[in-house]
């Protein structure tokens, strides 16, 4: 393969990959609830056993 064919082939593959990417992103956004954050809450529980704990108080 000469240089021209390699450039055309790689451009065609990049275009195809981009179109497939657009297709599956659009497909994912059409679903109800897509894009919602399932981890919207705090990562720590609000009801801990020791509420007066101060991590840097050197107790």
PDB file of N, CA and C in Angstrom:
ATOM      1  N   UNK A   1       0.847  -1.189   0.000  1.00  0.00           N
ATOM      2  CA  UNK A   1       0.000   0.000   0.000  1.00  0.00           C
ATOM      3  C   UNK A   1       0.883   1.241   0.000  1.00  0.00           C
ATOM      4  N   UNK A   2       0.518   2.168  -0.807  1.00  0.00           N
ATOM      5  CA  UNK A   2       1.286   3.403  -0.792  1.00  0.00           C
ATOM      6  C   UNK A   2       0.704   4.371   0.233  1.00  0.00           C
ATOM      7  N   UNK A   3       1.343   5.484   0.403  1.00  0.00           N
ATOM      8  CA  UNK A   3       0.991   6.445   1.448  1.00  0.00           C
ATOM      9  C   UNK A   3      -0.422   6.996   1.266  1.00  0.00           C
ATOM     10  N   UNK A   4      -0.824   7.250   0.061  1.00  0.00           N
ATOM     11  CA  UNK A   4      -2.151   7.806  -0.207  1.00  0.00           C
ATOM     12  C   UNK A   4      -3.246   6.847   0.229  1.00  0.00           C
ATOM     13  N   UNK A   5      -3.086   5.580  -0.079  1.00  0.00           N
ATOM     14  CA  UNK A   5      -4.093   4.587   0.315  1.00  0.00           C
ATOM     15  C   UNK A   5      -4.156   4.437   1.830  1.00  0.00           C
ATOM     16  N   UNK A   6      -3.026   4.500   2.492  1.00  0.00           N
ATOM     17  CA  UNK A   6      -3.011   4.394   3.956  1.00  0.00           C
ATOM     18  C   UNK A   6      -3.729   5.576   4.591  1.00  0.00           C
ATOM     19  N   UNK A   7      -3.511   6.770   4.069  1.00  0.00           N
ATOM     20  CA  UNK A   7      -4.175   7.967   4.605  1.00  0.00           C
ATOM     21  C   UNK A   7      -5.680   7.894   4.373  1.00  0.00           C
ATOM     22  N   UNK A   8      -6.092   7.480   3.175  1.00  0.00           N
ATOM     23  CA  UNK A   8      -7.527   7.361   2.873  1.00  0.00           C
ATOM     24  C   UNK A   8      -8.169   6.294   3.754  1.00  0.00           C
ATOM     25  N   UNK A   9      -7.509   5.162   3.913  1.00  0.00           N
ATOM     26  CA  UNK A   9      -8.034   4.080   4.738  1.00  0.00           C
ATOM     27  C   UNK A   9      -8.159   4.511   6.200  1.00  0.00           C
ATOM     28  N   UNK A  10      -7.156   5.198   6.729  1.00  0.00           N
ATOM     29  CA  UNK A  10      -7.218   5.621   8.134  1.00  0.00           C
ATOM     30  C   UNK A  10      -8.276   6.707   8.333  1.00  0.00           C
ATOM     31  N   UNK A  11      -8.455   7.583   7.353  1.00  0.00           N
ATOM     32  CA  UNK A  11      -9.502   8.602   7.447  1.00  0.00           C
ATOM     33  C   UNK A  11     -10.882   7.953   7.414  1.00  0.00           C
ATOM     34  N   UNK A  12     -11.048   6.944   6.570  1.00  0.00           N
ATOM     35  CA  UNK A  12     -12.328   6.244   6.498  1.00  0.00           C
ATOM     36  C   UNK A  12     -12.619   5.508   7.807  1.00  0.00           C
ATOM     37  N   UNK A  13     -11.608   4.890   8.382  1.00  0.00           N
ATOM     38  CA  UNK A  13     -11.799   4.188   9.658  1.00  0.00           C
ATOM     39  C   UNK A  13     -12.123   5.170  10.787  1.00  0.00           C
ATOM     40  N   UNK A  14     -11.484   6.320  10.794  1.00  0.00           N
ATOM     41  CA  UNK A  14     -11.766   7.335  11.816  1.00  0.00           C
ATOM     42  C   UNK A  14     -13.196   7.852  11.675  1.00  0.00           C
ATOM     43  N   UNK A  15     -13.637   8.079  10.424  1.00  0.00           N
ATOM     44  CA  UNK A  15     -15.006   8.528  10.183  1.00  0.00           C
ATOM     45  C   UNK A  15     -16.015   7.481  10.632  1.00  0.00           C
ATOM     46  N   UNK A  16     -15.742   6.232  10.322  1.00  0.00           N
ATOM     47  CA  UNK A  16     -16.634   5.145  10.729  1.00  0.00           C
ATOM     48  C   UNK A  16     -16.697   5.035  12.260  1.00  0.00           C
ATOM     49  N   UNK A  17     -15.568   5.136  12.901  1.00  0.00           N
ATOM     50  CA  UNK A  17     -15.544   5.065  14.365  1.00  0.00           C
ATOM     51  C   UNK A  17     -16.323   6.224  14.973  1.00  0.00           C
ATOM     52  N   UNK A  18     -16.185   7.408  14.402  1.00  0.00           N
ATOM     53  CA  UNK A  18     -16.910   8.578  14.902  1.00  0.00           C
ATOM     54  C   UNK A  18     -18.416   8.406  14.729  1.00  0.00           C
ATOM     55  N   UNK A  19     -18.841   7.891  13.596  1.00  0.00           N
ATOM     56  CA  UNK A  19     -20.273   7.686  13.362  1.00  0.00           C
ATOM     57  C   UNK A  19     -20.853   6.630  14.306  1.00  0.00           C
ATOM     58  N   UNK A  20     -20.116   5.562  14.545  1.00  0.00           N
ATOM     59  CA  UNK A  20     -20.581   4.549  15.489  1.00  0.00           C
ATOM     60  C   UNK A  20     -20.656   5.116  16.902  1.00  0.00           C
ATOM     61  N   UNK A  21     -19.681   5.934  17.260  1.00  0.00           N
ATOM     62  CA  UNK A  21     -19.693   6.583  18.562  1.00  0.00           C
ATOM     63  C   UNK A  21     -20.933   7.455  18.711  1.00  0.00           C
ATOM     64  N   UNK A  22     -21.253   8.256  17.696  1.00  0.00           N
ATOM     65  CA  UNK A  22     -22.439   9.103  17.743  1.00  0.00           C
ATOM     66  C   UNK A  22     -23.711   8.262  17.859  1.00  0.00           C
ATOM     67  N   UNK A  23     -23.756   7.166  17.161  1.00  0.00           N
ATOM     68  CA  UNK A  23     -24.946   6.316  17.173  1.00  0.00           C
ATOM     69  C   UNK A  23     -25.196   5.756  18.568  1.00  0.00           C
ATOM     70  N   UNK A  24     -24.158   5.255  19.206  1.00  0.00           N
ATOM     71  CA  UNK A  24     -24.361   4.635  20.506  1.00  0.00           C
ATOM     72  C   UNK A  24     -24.527   5.656  21.622  1.00  0.00           C
ATOM     73  N   UNK A  25     -23.976   6.833  21.481  1.00  0.00           N
ATOM     74  CA  UNK A  25     -24.221   7.895  22.464  1.00  0.00           C
ATOM     75  C   UNK A  25     -25.671   8.344  22.362  1.00  0.00           C
ATOM     76  N   UNK A  26     -26.174   8.518  21.159  1.00  0.00           N
ATOM     77  CA  UNK A  26     -27.566   8.917  20.967  1.00  0.00           C
ATOM     78  C   UNK A  26     -28.505   7.833  21.480  1.00  0.00           C
ATOM     79  N   UNK A  27     -28.161   6.581  21.248  1.00  0.00           N
ATOM     80  CA  UNK A  27     -28.979   5.464  21.706  1.00  0.00           C
ATOM     81  C   UNK A  27     -29.040   5.432  23.227  1.00  0.00           C
ATOM     82  N   UNK A  28     -27.955   5.727  23.893  1.00  0.00           N
ATOM     83  CA  UNK A  28     -27.908   5.731  25.350  1.00  0.00           C
ATOM     84  C   UNK A  28     -28.683   6.882  25.956  1.00  0.00           C
ATOM     85  N   UNK A  29     -28.744   8.020  25.259  1.00  0.00           N
ATOM     86  CA  UNK A  29     -29.466   9.177  25.789  1.00  0.00           C
ATOM     87  C   UNK A  29     -30.969   9.043  25.627  1.00  0.00           C
ATOM     88  N   UNK A  30     -31.422   8.201  24.704  1.00  0.00           N
ATOM     89  CA  UNK A  30     -32.853   8.010  24.490  1.00  0.00           C
ATOM     90  C   UNK A  30     -33.501   7.202  25.613  1.00  0.00           C
ATOM     91  N   UNK A  31     -32.717   6.457  26.356  1.00  0.00           N
ATOM     92  CA  UNK A  31     -33.274   5.638  27.426  1.00  0.00           C
ATOM     93  C   UNK A  31     -33.697   6.522  28.592  1.00  0.00           C
ATOM     94  N   UNK A  32     -34.828   6.218  29.225  1.00  0.00           N
ATOM     95  CA  UNK A  32     -35.227   7.005  30.383  1.00  0.00           C
ATOM     96  C   UNK A  32     -34.272   6.768  31.547  1.00  0.00           C
ATOM     97  N   UNK A  33     -33.901   7.841  32.205  1.00  0.00           N
ATOM     98  CA  UNK A  33     -33.000   7.729  33.335  1.00  0.00           C
ATOM     99  C   UNK A  33     -31.544   7.718  32.945  1.00  0.00           C
ATOM    100  N   UNK A  34     -31.246   7.825  31.677  1.00  0.00           N
ATOM    101  CA  UNK A  34     -29.849   7.836  31.243  1.00  0.00           C
ATOM    102  C   UNK A  34     -29.226   9.172  31.608  1.00  0.00           C
ATOM    103  N   UNK A  35     -28.017   9.119  32.056  1.00  0.00           N
ATOM    104  CA  UNK A  35     -27.318  10.339  32.420  1.00  0.00           C
ATOM    105  C   UNK A  35     -27.549  10.762  33.854  1.00  0.00           C
ATOM    106  N   UNK A  36     -28.357  10.027  34.582  1.00  0.00           N
ATOM    107  CA  UNK A  36     -28.560  10.375  35.975  1.00  0.00           C
ATOM    108  C   UNK A  36     -27.437   9.811  36.807  1.00  0.00           C
ATOM    109  N   UNK A  37     -27.128  10.493  37.849  1.00  0.00           N
ATOM    110  CA  UNK A  37     -26.040  10.069  38.717  1.00  0.00           C
ATOM    111  C   UNK A  37     -26.627   9.193  39.813  1.00  0.00           C
ATOM    112  N   UNK A  38     -26.254   7.942  39.847  1.00  0.00           N
ATOM    113  CA  UNK A  38     -26.764   7.029  40.861  1.00  0.00           C
ATOM    114  C   UNK A  38     -26.064   7.231  42.191  1.00  0.00           C
ATOM    115  N   UNK A  39     -24.983   7.952  42.194  1.00  0.00           N
ATOM    116  CA  UNK A  39     -24.220   8.188  43.407  1.00  0.00           C
ATOM    117  C   UNK A  39     -24.352   9.643  43.835  1.00  0.00           C
ATOM    118  N   UNK A  40     -25.555  10.174  43.778  1.00  0.00           N
ATOM    119  CA  UNK A  40     -25.746  11.585  44.078  1.00  0.00           C
ATOM    120  C   UNK A  40     -25.693  11.863  45.577  1.00  0.00           C
ATOM    121  N   UNK A  41     -25.864  10.852  46.398  1.00  0.00           N
ATOM    122  CA  UNK A  41     -25.820  11.049  47.837  1.00  0.00           C
ATOM    123  C   UNK A  41     -24.409  11.139  48.359  1.00  0.00           C
ATOM    124  N   UNK A  42     -24.304  11.366  49.643  1.00  0.00           N
ATOM    125  CA  UNK A  42     -22.993  11.455  50.270  1.00  0.00           C
ATOM    126  C   UNK A  42     -22.362  10.071  50.339  1.00  0.00           C
ATOM    127  N   UNK A  43     -21.046  10.019  50.276  1.00  0.00           N
ATOM    128  CA  UNK A  43     -20.375   8.730  50.355  1.00  0.00           C
ATOM    129  C   UNK A  43     -20.229   8.276  51.805  1.00  0.00           C
ATOM    130  N   UNK A  44     -20.512   9.154  52.735  1.00  0.00           N
ATOM    131  CA  UNK A  44     -20.468   8.811  54.151  1.00  0.00           C
ATOM    132  C   UNK A  44     -21.873   8.901  54.727  1.00  0.00           C
ATOM    133  N   UNK A  45     -22.173   8.029  55.652  1.00  0.00           N
ATOM    134  CA  UNK A  45     -23.506   8.067  56.230  1.00  0.00           C
ATOM    135  C   UNK A  45     -23.638   9.272  57.148  1.00  0.00           C
ATOM    136  N   UNK A  46     -24.838   9.838  57.194  1.00  0.00           N
ATOM    137  CA  UNK A  46     -25.049  11.033  58.010  1.00  0.00           C
ATOM    138  C   UNK A  46     -25.314  10.670  59.470  1.00  0.00           C
ATOM    139  N   UNK A  47     -25.568   9.416  59.746  1.00  0.00           N
ATOM    140  CA  UNK A  47     -25.840   9.026  61.122  1.00  0.00           C
ATOM    141  C   UNK A  47     -24.701   8.149  61.632  1.00  0.00           C
ATOM    142  N   UNK A  48     -23.614   8.774  62.008  1.00  0.00           N
ATOM    143  CA  UNK A  48     -22.496   8.005  62.527  1.00  0.00           C
ATOM    144  C   UNK A  48     -22.645   7.820  64.033  1.00  0.00           C
ATOM    145  N   UNK A  49     -21.929   6.881  64.597  1.00  0.00           N
ATOM    146  CA  UNK A  49     -22.016   6.607  66.027  1.00  0.00           C
ATOM    147  C   UNK A  49     -21.400   7.728  66.849  1.00  0.00           C
ATOM    148  N   UNK A  50     -20.315   8.284  66.373  1.00  0.00           N
ATOM    149  CA  UNK A  50     -19.592   9.281  67.145  1.00  0.00           C
ATOM    150  C   UNK A  50     -19.697  10.628  66.428  1.00  0.00           C
ATOM    151  N   UNK A  51     -20.759  11.385  66.723  1.00  0.00           N
ATOM    152  CA  UNK A  51     -20.996  12.637  66.020  1.00  0.00           C
ATOM    153  C   UNK A  51     -20.007  13.732  66.409  1.00  0.00           C
ATOM    154  N   UNK A  52     -19.400  13.664  67.583  1.00  0.00           N
ATOM    155  CA  UNK A  52     -18.487  14.723  67.993  1.00  0.00           C
ATOM    156  C   UNK A  52     -17.030  14.397  67.662  1.00  0.00           C
ATOM    157  N   UNK A  53     -16.801  13.500  66.745  1.00  0.00           N
ATOM    158  CA  UNK A  53     -15.449  13.115  66.354  1.00  0.00           C
ATOM    159  C   UNK A  53     -14.793  14.233  65.558  1.00  0.00           C
ATOM    160  N   UNK A  54     -13.619  14.638  65.972  1.00  0.00           N
ATOM    161  CA  UNK A  54     -12.837  15.634  65.253  1.00  0.00           C
ATOM    162  C   UNK A  54     -11.516  14.984  64.881  1.00  0.00           C
ATOM    163  N   UNK A  55     -11.255  14.774  63.598  1.00  0.00           N
ATOM    164  CA  UNK A  55     -10.099  13.987  63.179  1.00  0.00           C
ATOM    165  C   UNK A  55      -8.748  14.598  63.536  1.00  0.00           C
ATOM    166  N   UNK A  56      -8.642  15.916  63.711  1.00  0.00           N
ATOM    167  CA  UNK A  56      -7.353  16.525  63.979  1.00  0.00           C
ATOM    168  C   UNK A  56      -7.249  17.069  65.403  1.00  0.00           C
ATOM    169  N   UNK A  57      -8.096  16.585  66.279  1.00  0.00           N
ATOM    170  CA  UNK A  57      -8.060  17.101  67.641  1.00  0.00           C
ATOM    171  C   UNK A  57      -7.045  16.377  68.528  1.00  0.00           C
ATOM    172  N   UNK A  58      -6.433  15.291  68.043  1.00  0.00           N
ATOM    173  CA  UNK A  58      -5.426  14.491  68.764  1.00  0.00           C
ATOM    174  C   UNK A  58      -5.937  14.010  70.105  1.00  0.00           C
ATOM    175  N   UNK A  59      -7.146  13.473  70.122  1.00  0.00           N
ATOM    176  CA  UNK A  59      -7.729  12.906  71.338  1.00  0.00           C
ATOM    177  C   UNK A  59      -7.186  11.541  71.602  1.00  0.00           C
TER     178      UNK A  59
END
